[in-house]
């Protein structure tokens, strides 16, 4: 996808010929404990920087686009605290909370409209994932709620063209 500072690959996009980029999902994952520290924080700072660069370059070219960030950790990231530091999950919320909640197209380019921290459980016969918006670690959401919130922002930014009611997205 062409951005304002160069091309940027984004995991999931929806663009129209008339409007350009409408919706993008950027997904970053850390699924393994670091062998030395035994936590899930290795490369967190670099991946956060990658996400912020994506937001800047895409918002610069498409200020009305809706960008959703999903930063997913193994569920062990919620319980890897030590006497020296908080759990990775808690630290991720601290490190990402400033970059969620871009309510206006003229707001800070590095913010995502919504930025979520996810916990994935892959053990057992039924894998699962839950999300919390960055800065709100106690308010769990499922993937349907994340998608609903994304589509509501798309409609708010394009209310003359799209509607969303009873989980049905439609052109007007």
C-alpha atoms as a PDB file:
ATOM      1  CA  UNK A   1       0.000   0.000   0.000  1.00  0.00           C
ATOM      2  CA  UNK A   2       1.418   3.378  -0.941  1.00  0.00           C
ATOM      3  CA  UNK A   3       1.777   5.623   2.079  1.00  0.00           C
ATOM      4  CA  UNK A   4       2.804   9.182   2.751  1.00  0.00           C
ATOM      5  CA  UNK A   5       6.423   8.250   3.547  1.00  0.00           C
ATOM      6  CA  UNK A   6       6.752   5.298   1.181  1.00  0.00           C
ATOM      7  CA  UNK A   7       5.148   1.941   0.598  1.00  0.00           C
ATOM      8  CA  UNK A   8       4.020  -0.100   3.587  1.00  0.00           C
ATOM      9  CA  UNK A   9       2.790  -3.669   3.726  1.00  0.00           C
ATOM     10  CA  UNK A  10      -0.211  -4.016   6.006  1.00  0.00           C
ATOM     11  CA  UNK A  11      -1.788  -7.331   6.994  1.00  0.00           C
ATOM     12  CA  UNK A  12      -5.421  -6.655   6.027  1.00  0.00           C
ATOM     13  CA  UNK A  13      -6.707  -3.706   3.980  1.00  0.00           C
ATOM     14  CA  UNK A  14      -9.899  -2.502   2.383  1.00  0.00           C
ATOM     15  CA  UNK A  15      -9.613   0.277  -0.168  1.00  0.00           C
ATOM     16  CA  UNK A  16     -11.972   1.694  -2.778  1.00  0.00           C
ATOM     17  CA  UNK A  17     -11.165   3.455  -6.002  1.00  0.00           C
ATOM     18  CA  UNK A  18     -13.137   6.500  -4.900  1.00  0.00           C
ATOM     19  CA  UNK A  19     -11.860   6.871  -1.326  1.00  0.00           C
ATOM     20  CA  UNK A  20      -8.540   5.071  -1.183  1.00  0.00           C
ATOM     21  CA  UNK A  21      -7.718   3.244   2.034  1.00  0.00           C
ATOM     22  CA  UNK A  22     -10.843   2.774   4.157  1.00  0.00           C
ATOM     23  CA  UNK A  23      -9.736   0.203   6.750  1.00  0.00           C
ATOM     24  CA  UNK A  24      -6.467  -1.490   7.665  1.00  0.00           C
ATOM     25  CA  UNK A  25      -5.528  -4.038  10.325  1.00  0.00           C
ATOM     26  CA  UNK A  26      -1.895  -4.190  11.403  1.00  0.00           C
ATOM     27  CA  UNK A  27      -1.041  -7.363  13.320  1.00  0.00           C
ATOM     28  CA  UNK A  28       2.112  -7.981  15.353  1.00  0.00           C
ATOM     29  CA  UNK A  29       2.733 -11.118  17.413  1.00  0.00           C
ATOM     30  CA  UNK A  30       5.130 -12.284  20.082  1.00  0.00           C
ATOM     31  CA  UNK A  31       4.398 -15.937  20.771  1.00  0.00           C
ATOM     32  CA  UNK A  32       7.555 -17.277  22.391  1.00  0.00           C
ATOM     33  CA  UNK A  33       9.370 -16.638  25.658  1.00  0.00           C
ATOM     34  CA  UNK A  34      12.853 -15.225  25.356  1.00  0.00           C
ATOM     35  CA  UNK A  35      15.308 -17.989  26.274  1.00  0.00           C
ATOM     36  CA  UNK A  36      17.409 -15.695  28.485  1.00  0.00           C
ATOM     37  CA  UNK A  37      14.796 -13.543  30.276  1.00  0.00           C
ATOM     38  CA  UNK A  38      11.896 -16.053  30.214  1.00  0.00           C
ATOM     39  CA  UNK A  39       9.430 -13.278  29.328  1.00  0.00           C
ATOM     40  CA  UNK A  40       7.597 -12.223  26.160  1.00  0.00           C
ATOM     41  CA  UNK A  41       9.016  -8.693  25.914  1.00  0.00           C
ATOM     42  CA  UNK A  42      11.872  -9.345  23.493  1.00  0.00           C
ATOM     43  CA  UNK A  43      11.462  -7.145  20.393  1.00  0.00           C
ATOM     44  CA  UNK A  44       8.386  -5.404  21.835  1.00  0.00           C
ATOM     45  CA  UNK A  45       9.961  -1.950  21.442  1.00  0.00           C
ATOM     46  CA  UNK A  46      10.930  -2.644  17.807  1.00  0.00           C
ATOM     47  CA  UNK A  47       7.512  -4.017  16.889  1.00  0.00           C
ATOM     48  CA  UNK A  48       5.794  -1.081  18.577  1.00  0.00           C
ATOM     49  CA  UNK A  49       7.986   1.229  16.482  1.00  0.00           C
ATOM     50  CA  UNK A  50       6.989  -0.667  13.321  1.00  0.00           C
ATOM     51  CA  UNK A  51       3.311  -0.182  14.164  1.00  0.00           C
ATOM     52  CA  UNK A  52       3.746   3.525  14.810  1.00  0.00           C
ATOM     53  CA  UNK A  53       5.582   4.014  11.509  1.00  0.00           C
ATOM     54  CA  UNK A  54       2.746   2.203   9.714  1.00  0.00           C
ATOM     55  CA  UNK A  55       0.210   4.528  11.305  1.00  0.00           C
ATOM     56  CA  UNK A  56       2.160   7.673  10.389  1.00  0.00           C
ATOM     57  CA  UNK A  57       2.772   6.729   6.779  1.00  0.00           C
ATOM     58  CA  UNK A  58      -0.796   5.530   6.152  1.00  0.00           C
ATOM     59  CA  UNK A  59      -2.522   8.409   7.961  1.00  0.00           C
ATOM     60  CA  UNK A  60      -0.343  10.928   6.146  1.00  0.00           C
ATOM     61  CA  UNK A  61      -1.638   9.695   2.796  1.00  0.00           C
ATOM     62  CA  UNK A  62      -5.134   8.637   3.933  1.00  0.00           C
ATOM     63  CA  UNK A  63      -6.116  10.768   6.953  1.00  0.00           C
ATOM     64  CA  UNK A  64      -9.712   9.487   6.941  1.00  0.00           C
ATOM     65  CA  UNK A  65      -8.709   5.830   6.956  1.00  0.00           C
ATOM     66  CA  UNK A  66      -9.459   3.633   9.962  1.00  0.00           C
ATOM     67  CA  UNK A  67      -6.378   1.858  11.290  1.00  0.00           C
ATOM     68  CA  UNK A  68      -6.727  -0.967  13.788  1.00  0.00           C
ATOM     69  CA  UNK A  69      -3.686  -2.370  15.552  1.00  0.00           C
ATOM     70  CA  UNK A  70      -3.626  -5.875  17.021  1.00  0.00           C
ATOM     71  CA  UNK A  71      -0.595  -6.680  19.176  1.00  0.00           C
ATOM     72  CA  UNK A  72      -0.948 -10.345  20.145  1.00  0.00           C
ATOM     73  CA  UNK A  73       1.007 -12.209  22.810  1.00  0.00           C
ATOM     74  CA  UNK A  74       0.928 -15.793  24.015  1.00  0.00           C
ATOM     75  CA  UNK A  75      -1.325 -16.010  27.076  1.00  0.00           C
ATOM     76  CA  UNK A  76       1.793 -16.634  29.186  1.00  0.00           C
ATOM     77  CA  UNK A  77       2.555 -12.911  28.829  1.00  0.00           C
ATOM     78  CA  UNK A  78      -0.085 -12.218  31.462  1.00  0.00           C
ATOM     79  CA  UNK A  79       1.776 -14.260  34.084  1.00  0.00           C
ATOM     80  CA  UNK A  80       5.490 -13.657  33.429  1.00  0.00           C
ATOM     81  CA  UNK A  81       6.000 -10.959  36.083  1.00  0.00           C
ATOM     82  CA  UNK A  82       8.999 -11.122  38.385  1.00  0.00           C
ATOM     83  CA  UNK A  83       9.934  -9.228  41.532  1.00  0.00           C
ATOM     84  CA  UNK A  84      11.825  -6.821  39.235  1.00  0.00           C
ATOM     85  CA  UNK A  85       9.162  -6.056  36.593  1.00  0.00           C
ATOM     86  CA  UNK A  86       5.479  -6.265  35.744  1.00  0.00           C
ATOM     87  CA  UNK A  87       4.075  -8.894  33.385  1.00  0.00           C
ATOM     88  CA  UNK A  88       4.575  -8.328  29.663  1.00  0.00           C
ATOM     89  CA  UNK A  89       0.812  -7.877  29.240  1.00  0.00           C
ATOM     90  CA  UNK A  90       0.816  -4.998  31.751  1.00  0.00           C
ATOM     91  CA  UNK A  91       3.921  -3.434  30.207  1.00  0.00           C
ATOM     92  CA  UNK A  92       2.383  -3.658  26.727  1.00  0.00           C
ATOM     93  CA  UNK A  93      -0.669  -1.738  27.915  1.00  0.00           C
ATOM     94  CA  UNK A  94       1.603   0.940  29.386  1.00  0.00           C
ATOM     95  CA  UNK A  95       3.659   1.155  26.202  1.00  0.00           C
ATOM     96  CA  UNK A  96       0.722   1.247  23.795  1.00  0.00           C
ATOM     97  CA  UNK A  97      -1.988   3.228  25.621  1.00  0.00           C
ATOM     98  CA  UNK A  98      -0.819   6.555  24.196  1.00  0.00           C
ATOM     99  CA  UNK A  99      -1.330   5.262  20.648  1.00  0.00           C
ATOM    100  CA  UNK A 100      -5.024   4.325  20.660  1.00  0.00           C
ATOM    101  CA  UNK A 101      -8.169   6.415  20.359  1.00  0.00           C
ATOM    102  CA  UNK A 102      -7.570   8.568  17.268  1.00  0.00           C
ATOM    103  CA  UNK A 103     -11.058  10.045  17.078  1.00  0.00           C
ATOM    104  CA  UNK A 104     -10.496  12.729  14.463  1.00  0.00           C
ATOM    105  CA  UNK A 105      -8.817  12.563  11.022  1.00  0.00           C
ATOM    106  CA  UNK A 106      -6.726  15.609  11.930  1.00  0.00           C
ATOM    107  CA  UNK A 107      -5.431  14.027  15.158  1.00  0.00           C
ATOM    108  CA  UNK A 108      -1.927  12.650  15.700  1.00  0.00           C
ATOM    109  CA  UNK A 109      -0.842  10.481  12.777  1.00  0.00           C
ATOM    110  CA  UNK A 110       0.946   7.922  14.954  1.00  0.00           C
ATOM    111  CA  UNK A 111      -2.239   6.978  16.774  1.00  0.00           C
ATOM    112  CA  UNK A 112      -4.461   4.128  15.709  1.00  0.00           C
ATOM    113  CA  UNK A 113      -8.197   4.574  15.751  1.00  0.00           C
ATOM    114  CA  UNK A 114      -8.165   1.473  17.958  1.00  0.00           C
ATOM    115  CA  UNK A 115      -5.138  -0.414  19.226  1.00  0.00           C
ATOM    116  CA  UNK A 116      -5.647  -3.712  21.037  1.00  0.00           C
ATOM    117  CA  UNK A 117      -3.491  -6.066  23.079  1.00  0.00           C
ATOM    118  CA  UNK A 118      -4.454  -9.692  22.486  1.00  0.00           C
ATOM    119  CA  UNK A 119      -3.766 -12.868  24.425  1.00  0.00           C
ATOM    120  CA  UNK A 120      -3.779 -16.123  22.460  1.00  0.00           C
ATOM    121  CA  UNK A 121      -4.115 -19.554  24.021  1.00  0.00           C
ATOM    122  CA  UNK A 122      -3.029 -22.315  21.677  1.00  0.00           C
ATOM    123  CA  UNK A 123      -2.819 -25.178  24.164  1.00  0.00           C
ATOM    124  CA  UNK A 124      -5.497 -27.825  24.230  1.00  0.00           C
ATOM    125  CA  UNK A 125      -8.059 -28.680  21.600  1.00  0.00           C
ATOM    126  CA  UNK A 126      -9.725 -25.262  21.420  1.00  0.00           C
ATOM    127  CA  UNK A 127      -7.415 -22.318  20.722  1.00  0.00           C
ATOM    128  CA  UNK A 128      -8.787 -18.945  21.794  1.00  0.00           C
ATOM    129  CA  UNK A 129      -7.953 -15.253  21.703  1.00  0.00           C
ATOM    130  CA  UNK A 130      -9.201 -12.260  23.623  1.00  0.00           C
ATOM    131  CA  UNK A 131      -8.430  -8.567  23.240  1.00  0.00           C
ATOM    132  CA  UNK A 132      -8.297  -5.503  25.448  1.00  0.00           C
ATOM    133  CA  UNK A 133      -7.940  -1.966  24.182  1.00  0.00           C
ATOM    134  CA  UNK A 134      -4.489  -0.599  24.966  1.00  0.00           C
ATOM    135  CA  UNK A 135      -4.638   1.102  28.344  1.00  0.00           C
ATOM    136  CA  UNK A 136      -7.653  -0.919  29.542  1.00  0.00           C
ATOM    137  CA  UNK A 137      -6.262  -4.357  30.468  1.00  0.00           C
ATOM    138  CA  UNK A 138      -9.328  -5.444  32.432  1.00  0.00           C
ATOM    139  CA  UNK A 139     -11.998  -4.945  29.716  1.00  0.00           C
ATOM    140  CA  UNK A 140     -11.842  -8.125  27.606  1.00  0.00           C
ATOM    141  CA  UNK A 141     -13.308  -8.165  24.098  1.00  0.00           C
ATOM    142  CA  UNK A 142     -13.713 -10.897  21.520  1.00  0.00           C
ATOM    143  CA  UNK A 143     -12.804 -10.571  17.839  1.00  0.00           C
ATOM    144  CA  UNK A 144     -16.411  -9.750  16.839  1.00  0.00           C
ATOM    145  CA  UNK A 145     -16.379  -6.742  19.176  1.00  0.00           C
ATOM    146  CA  UNK A 146     -13.058  -5.574  17.723  1.00  0.00           C
ATOM    147  CA  UNK A 147     -14.454  -5.784  14.183  1.00  0.00           C
ATOM    148  CA  UNK A 148     -17.699  -4.045  15.223  1.00  0.00           C
ATOM    149  CA  UNK A 149     -15.710  -1.140  16.702  1.00  0.00           C
ATOM    150  CA  UNK A 150     -13.631  -0.873  13.513  1.00  0.00           C
ATOM    151  CA  UNK A 151     -16.683  -0.779  11.256  1.00  0.00           C
ATOM    152  CA  UNK A 152     -18.368   1.806  13.470  1.00  0.00           C
ATOM    153  CA  UNK A 153     -15.379   4.133  12.955  1.00  0.00           C
ATOM    154  CA  UNK A 154     -15.450   3.512   9.182  1.00  0.00           C
ATOM    155  CA  UNK A 155     -19.133   4.474   9.110  1.00  0.00           C
ATOM    156  CA  UNK A 156     -18.587   7.544  11.294  1.00  0.00           C
ATOM    157  CA  UNK A 157     -15.907   8.749   8.873  1.00  0.00           C
ATOM    158  CA  UNK A 158     -18.017   7.901   5.797  1.00  0.00           C
ATOM    159  CA  UNK A 159     -21.599   8.396   6.982  1.00  0.00           C
ATOM    160  CA  UNK A 160     -22.824   9.558   3.566  1.00  0.00           C
ATOM    161  CA  UNK A 161     -21.673   6.319   1.959  1.00  0.00           C
ATOM    162  CA  UNK A 162     -22.062   3.490   4.506  1.00  0.00           C
ATOM    163  CA  UNK A 163     -24.285   2.293   7.311  1.00  0.00           C
ATOM    164  CA  UNK A 164     -23.816  -0.303  10.045  1.00  0.00           C
ATOM    165  CA  UNK A 165     -26.746  -1.639  12.038  1.00  0.00           C
ATOM    166  CA  UNK A 166     -27.382  -4.996  13.743  1.00  0.00           C
ATOM    167  CA  UNK A 167     -23.916  -6.195  12.633  1.00  0.00           C
ATOM    168  CA  UNK A 168     -24.792  -5.513   8.988  1.00  0.00           C
ATOM    169  CA  UNK A 169     -22.484  -3.229   7.016  1.00  0.00           C
ATOM    170  CA  UNK A 170     -23.973  -1.788   3.844  1.00  0.00           C
ATOM    171  CA  UNK A 171     -23.456   0.929   1.266  1.00  0.00           C
ATOM    172  CA  UNK A 172     -26.115   3.649   1.275  1.00  0.00           C
END
